[in-house]
Protein backbone atom coordinates (compact mmCIF):
# COMPACT_ATOMS: atom_id res chain seq x y z
CA MET A 1 -19.54 7.92 -16.92
CA LYS A 2 -16.67 5.77 -16.49
CA ASN A 3 -16.49 2.33 -17.50
CA PRO A 4 -16.73 -0.56 -14.58
CA ILE A 5 -13.67 -1.01 -12.84
CA GLU A 6 -12.06 -4.35 -13.84
CA THR A 7 -8.40 -4.27 -12.78
CA VAL A 8 -6.83 -2.52 -9.58
CA ILE A 9 -3.33 -1.90 -8.44
CA PHE A 10 -2.42 -1.43 -4.98
CA ILE A 11 0.66 0.05 -3.70
CA GLY A 12 1.20 1.66 -0.09
CA ASP A 13 3.59 2.28 3.04
CA GLU A 14 6.18 4.26 0.87
CA HIS A 15 7.16 6.16 3.83
CA ALA A 16 8.48 9.14 1.91
CA GLY A 17 10.75 11.05 4.23
CA CYS A 18 12.37 8.45 5.89
CA ARG A 19 15.92 7.36 5.06
CA LEU A 20 14.96 3.79 4.90
CA GLY A 21 11.54 4.57 2.90
CA LEU A 22 11.23 5.18 -0.70
CA CYS A 23 12.93 8.18 -2.49
CA PRO A 24 13.11 9.29 -6.14
CA ILE A 25 16.56 8.13 -7.57
CA ARG A 26 17.62 11.77 -8.59
CA GLY A 27 17.30 12.92 -5.11
CA VAL A 28 15.11 15.52 -3.76
CA THR A 29 15.32 19.15 -2.80
CA LEU A 30 14.42 20.04 0.68
CA ASP A 31 12.51 23.33 2.01
CA SER A 32 16.03 24.57 3.26
CA GLY A 33 17.40 24.37 -0.12
CA SER A 34 19.71 21.71 0.75
CA ARG A 35 19.65 18.49 -1.38
CA TYR A 36 19.18 14.80 -0.45
CA LYS A 37 20.11 12.01 -2.26
CA PRO A 38 19.06 8.52 -1.79
CA ASN A 39 21.53 5.74 -0.04
CA LYS A 40 22.31 2.41 -1.10
CA VAL A 41 19.21 0.71 0.38
CA GLN A 42 17.11 3.42 -1.02
CA ARG A 43 18.45 3.00 -4.62
CA LYS A 44 17.79 -0.66 -4.25
CA ILE A 45 14.12 0.01 -3.62
CA TRP A 46 13.56 2.55 -6.17
CA ARG A 47 14.82 -0.17 -8.65
CA HIS A 48 12.13 -2.36 -7.42
CA TRP A 49 9.56 0.43 -7.61
CA ASN A 50 10.72 1.30 -11.20
CA TYR A 51 10.33 -2.10 -12.39
CA ILE A 52 6.62 -2.22 -11.06
CA ASP A 53 5.78 0.96 -12.88
CA LYS A 54 7.68 0.38 -16.26
CA VAL A 55 7.28 -3.38 -16.59
CA TRP A 56 5.08 -5.25 -14.11
CA ILE A 57 2.10 -3.14 -14.33
CA PRO A 58 1.87 -2.96 -18.24
CA MET A 59 2.40 -6.75 -18.15
CA VAL A 60 -0.18 -7.73 -15.75
CA THR A 61 -2.79 -5.23 -16.89
CA LYS A 62 -2.15 -5.92 -20.65
CA GLY A 63 -1.95 -2.53 -21.47
CA GLN A 64 -5.98 -1.94 -20.61
CA LYS A 65 -7.18 0.70 -18.09
CA TYR A 66 -6.82 0.27 -14.43
CA THR A 67 -7.74 1.92 -10.91
CA LEU A 68 -4.74 2.79 -8.59
CA VAL A 69 -5.10 2.57 -4.90
CA ASN A 70 -2.64 3.78 -2.55
CA MET A 71 -3.13 1.92 0.73
CA GLY A 72 -1.73 5.03 3.37
CA ASP A 73 1.51 5.66 5.24
CA ALA A 74 2.58 7.50 2.08
CA ILE A 75 4.72 9.63 4.11
CA ASP A 76 6.64 9.16 7.26
CA ASN A 77 6.26 12.09 9.39
CA LYS A 78 8.23 12.42 12.65
CA HIS A 79 6.64 9.58 14.62
CA HIS A 80 7.38 7.89 17.87
CA GLY A 81 10.38 9.99 18.49
CA SER A 82 12.20 8.54 15.85
CA VAL A 83 15.13 10.13 14.13
CA THR A 84 15.29 8.29 10.75
CA GLN A 85 13.81 11.04 8.63
CA PHE A 86 16.12 13.14 6.52
CA SER A 87 13.96 16.04 7.38
CA HIS A 88 11.58 16.76 10.12
CA ASN A 89 9.56 19.16 7.79
CA ARG A 90 6.37 17.69 6.91
CA ALA A 91 6.17 19.66 3.84
CA ASP A 92 9.33 17.81 2.61
CA HIS A 93 7.78 14.51 3.19
CA ILE A 94 4.46 15.49 1.18
CA LYS A 95 6.50 16.82 -1.67
CA VAL A 96 8.75 13.70 -1.83
CA ALA A 97 5.68 11.56 -1.72
CA TYR A 98 3.78 13.66 -4.49
CA GLU A 99 6.87 13.29 -6.66
CA LEU A 100 6.62 9.63 -6.24
CA LEU A 101 3.05 9.13 -6.88
CA ALA A 102 2.24 11.78 -9.46
CA PRO A 103 3.72 9.94 -12.54
CA TRP A 104 1.55 6.74 -11.42
CA VAL A 105 -1.50 8.81 -10.89
CA GLU A 106 -1.26 9.97 -14.41
CA LYS A 107 -1.08 6.72 -15.92
CA ALA A 108 -4.10 5.45 -13.93
CA ASP A 109 -7.68 5.52 -15.12
CA ARG A 110 -8.80 6.47 -11.45
CA PHE A 111 -6.75 7.17 -8.35
CA TYR A 112 -8.10 6.52 -4.53
CA MET A 113 -5.95 7.27 -1.70
CA LEU A 114 -6.48 5.63 2.01
CA ARG A 115 -5.54 7.24 5.08
CA GLY A 116 -2.84 5.33 7.13
CA THR A 117 -1.65 5.23 10.46
CA GLU A 118 -2.08 8.59 12.81
CA ALA A 119 1.60 8.59 13.49
CA HIS A 120 2.43 8.87 9.82
CA SER A 121 -0.61 10.49 8.18
CA GLY A 122 -1.67 13.01 10.97
CA LYS A 123 -3.90 12.47 13.95
CA SER A 124 -6.99 12.93 11.65
CA GLY A 125 -4.98 11.91 8.34
CA GLU A 126 -4.63 15.71 7.53
CA PHE A 127 -1.15 15.07 5.84
CA GLU A 128 -2.35 12.31 3.61
CA GLU A 129 -5.65 14.52 2.98
CA LEU A 130 -3.44 17.39 1.70
CA LEU A 131 -1.29 15.08 -0.51
CA ALA A 132 -4.51 13.21 -1.88
CA GLU A 133 -6.00 16.42 -2.97
CA LYS A 134 -2.82 17.54 -4.56
CA LEU A 135 -2.71 14.09 -6.30
CA GLY A 136 -6.36 14.86 -7.54
CA ALA A 137 -7.56 11.47 -5.59
CA ILE A 138 -11.45 10.75 -6.16
CA PRO A 139 -13.24 12.05 -3.05
CA ASP A 140 -15.45 9.87 -0.92
CA GLU A 141 -19.33 11.25 -0.49
CA HIS A 142 -18.15 13.62 2.23
CA GLY A 143 -15.66 15.27 -0.13
CA ARG A 144 -12.49 13.81 1.71
CA TYR A 145 -9.82 12.89 -0.74
CA ALA A 146 -7.94 10.69 1.62
CA ARG A 147 -10.79 8.21 3.00
CA ASP A 148 -10.47 5.84 5.79
CA ASP A 149 -11.81 3.00 3.89
CA LEU A 150 -12.98 2.42 0.25
CA TRP A 151 -15.79 -0.15 -0.86
CA MET A 152 -15.32 -0.83 -4.31
CA LYS A 153 -16.69 -3.29 -7.23
CA ILE A 154 -14.47 -5.04 -9.23
CA GLY A 155 -16.48 -6.39 -11.94
CA PRO A 156 -19.62 -7.89 -9.94
CA ALA A 157 -17.26 -8.75 -7.17
CA LEU A 158 -17.47 -6.52 -4.07
CA GLY A 159 -14.10 -5.43 -2.20
CA HIS A 160 -13.38 -3.54 0.95
CA PHE A 161 -9.88 -1.89 1.48
CA THR A 162 -8.70 -0.13 4.50
CA HIS A 163 -4.90 0.57 5.93
CA HIS A 164 -4.99 -1.17 9.08
CA VAL A 165 -4.71 -4.92 10.13
CA ALA A 166 -3.05 -6.88 12.89
CA THR A 167 0.69 -6.57 12.54
CA VAL A 168 2.80 -9.62 12.47
CA SER A 169 4.84 -10.57 15.37
CA SER A 170 5.77 -14.11 14.32
CA PRO A 171 5.57 -16.11 10.77
CA TYR A 172 3.25 -18.49 12.63
CA THR A 173 0.56 -15.83 12.83
CA GLU A 174 1.22 -14.46 9.56
CA SER A 175 -2.33 -15.51 8.10
CA THR A 176 -4.24 -15.00 11.07
CA GLY A 177 -4.82 -11.29 11.13
CA ILE A 178 -6.10 -11.07 7.38
CA LEU A 179 -8.32 -14.58 8.01
CA LYS A 180 -10.02 -12.71 10.81
CA GLU A 181 -10.60 -9.57 8.80
CA LEU A 182 -12.54 -11.71 6.35
CA ILE A 183 -14.37 -14.03 8.83
CA THR A 184 -15.46 -10.84 10.66
CA ALA A 185 -16.84 -9.48 7.46
CA TYR A 186 -18.85 -12.49 6.96
CA THR A 187 -20.18 -12.10 10.60
CA ALA A 188 -20.95 -8.52 10.39
CA ALA A 189 -22.78 -8.83 6.97
CA GLY A 190 -24.85 -11.62 8.37
CA LYS A 191 -25.93 -9.75 11.28
CA MET A 192 -26.91 -6.86 9.57
CA GLY A 193 -28.43 -8.46 6.47
CA ILE A 194 -26.22 -6.99 4.14
CA ARG A 195 -23.75 -8.16 1.40
CA ALA A 196 -20.22 -9.46 2.50
CA PRO A 197 -17.31 -8.49 0.48
CA ASN A 198 -15.71 -10.96 -1.76
CA LEU A 199 -12.26 -9.28 -1.52
CA LEU A 200 -10.28 -7.63 1.50
CA GLY A 201 -7.17 -5.52 0.75
CA ARG A 202 -5.17 -4.40 4.04
CA ALA A 203 -1.82 -2.82 4.22
CA HIS A 204 0.38 -1.29 7.62
CA ARG A 205 2.47 -4.74 8.21
CA HIS A 206 4.76 -4.36 5.50
CA ALA A 207 4.61 -8.36 4.63
CA CYS A 208 2.49 -9.65 1.67
CA SER A 209 0.32 -12.67 2.56
CA GLU A 210 -2.91 -14.20 1.32
CA ILE A 211 -5.92 -16.46 2.13
CA ARG A 212 -8.47 -17.85 0.03
CA LEU A 213 -11.74 -19.36 0.64
CA PRO A 214 -14.07 -20.71 -1.95
CA GLY A 215 -16.68 -18.26 -2.90
CA LYS A 216 -19.24 -17.02 -5.32
CA TYR A 217 -16.63 -15.67 -7.74
CA GLY A 218 -13.93 -18.60 -7.57
CA TYR A 219 -12.62 -17.44 -3.99
CA ASP A 220 -13.16 -15.10 -1.61
CA ILE A 221 -9.78 -13.41 -1.04
CA ALA A 222 -7.92 -11.38 1.80
CA PHE A 223 -4.60 -10.11 1.36
CA ALA A 224 -2.02 -7.59 2.72
CA THR A 225 0.04 -5.60 0.81
CA SER A 226 4.09 -5.32 1.01
CA GLY A 227 5.64 -1.98 2.04
CA TRP A 228 8.24 0.10 0.58
CA GLN A 229 10.61 0.72 3.49
CA ALA A 230 13.89 -0.99 4.84
CA LYS A 231 13.93 -2.17 8.47
CA GLY A 232 13.83 0.62 10.99
CA PRO A 233 14.70 0.53 14.73
CA PHE A 234 11.20 -0.49 15.88
CA VAL A 235 11.08 -3.70 13.70
CA TRP A 236 13.69 -5.48 15.61
CA ARG A 237 11.54 -5.55 18.80
CA MET A 238 9.43 -8.39 16.84
CA VAL A 239 10.43 -11.95 16.32
CA ARG A 240 9.34 -11.76 12.57
CA GLY A 241 11.08 -8.37 12.16
CA ARG A 242 14.44 -9.76 13.68
CA ASN A 243 14.34 -13.03 11.75
CA CYS A 244 12.72 -12.40 8.31
CA PRO A 245 13.67 -10.34 5.60
CA VAL A 246 11.76 -7.14 4.19
CA ASP A 247 9.78 -7.31 1.36
CA VAL A 248 8.95 -4.63 -1.13
CA GLY A 249 5.90 -4.96 -4.10
CA ALA A 250 2.74 -4.34 -5.41
CA SER A 251 -0.60 -6.03 -5.66
CA MET A 252 -3.37 -6.58 -8.22
CA ALA A 253 -6.82 -7.54 -8.29
CA LYS A 254 -8.77 -8.15 -11.43
CA TRP A 255 -11.90 -9.60 -12.62
CA ASP A 256 -11.96 -12.18 -15.25
CA GLU A 257 -15.06 -11.93 -17.37
CA ARG A 258 -14.63 -15.08 -18.98
CA GLU A 259 -14.19 -17.40 -15.97
CA LYS A 260 -16.48 -15.04 -13.97
CA GLU A 261 -13.89 -14.91 -11.08
CA ILE A 262 -11.86 -12.33 -9.03
CA TYR A 263 -8.27 -13.16 -8.69
CA THR A 264 -4.95 -11.58 -7.23
CA ARG A 265 -1.33 -11.35 -8.25
CA HIS A 266 1.39 -9.89 -6.18
CA LYS A 267 5.11 -9.02 -7.25
CA VAL A 268 7.44 -9.25 -4.32
CA TRP A 269 10.99 -8.88 -3.61
CA TYR A 270 13.02 -9.53 -0.44
CA LEU A 271 15.78 -7.06 0.62
CA GLU A 272 18.86 -9.24 0.90
CA ARG A 273 20.66 -9.77 4.55
CA PRO A 274 23.46 -7.58 5.78
CA ARG A 275 26.87 -8.83 4.90
CA ILE A 276 28.15 -12.23 6.35
CA GLU A 277 31.33 -11.72 8.49
CA GLY A 278 34.13 -14.35 8.76
């Protein structure tokens, strides 16, 4: 029997296989035998990824054991008729995602995988299911290695984690989606007479944000994680996408036994604007 979970690291939305997504710094060999090397923006994203792995996680966990949760959309897939992928072979995408995640999984005490958007992970999450099994993710009660959602106790606090959340079309509504998730969780628990979660984690929107309400364990917290992908063609359709920089990074939730509180930390970088002309 493993020790109780007290520290959790959250990453996700790597979009491996996209020329704007995360890619190993040394490049990857594709199924065709050709070699793909990361471009300038991918090398920049990689430096932040490497910092999270080598510096931030050891710092915030203080060398203690931690659980790793991937929030979904680890691969890009050929989605929505897009052409931003460096390969349209899904096996290449899974291979790249495995190369990215396997070293992280090896360091973690436990690893869980969530299923992302069907356009990326497959209609039934089948591509991320293959990836999760290969990575050795802990399966759910039905034997699925990549799950739709994850209920987890962090200390005595109850957390609920899943990929989807309302996207952010404007900075004015950035906190609305995650607040709705928390209030809806309260409502559903009250109707059914069951325990409400103290912590909610979501992904999908590639924009880190958090709200807190006073609760039993200090605060009840709902947060959305950053992604690991630069702006693609679809982003420019939204007000926020056109005007706000992309953020990349990771999140942590930790139980503080001394204070009897659950708390979170986020490490976020903003990718720079393009060159200013004139």
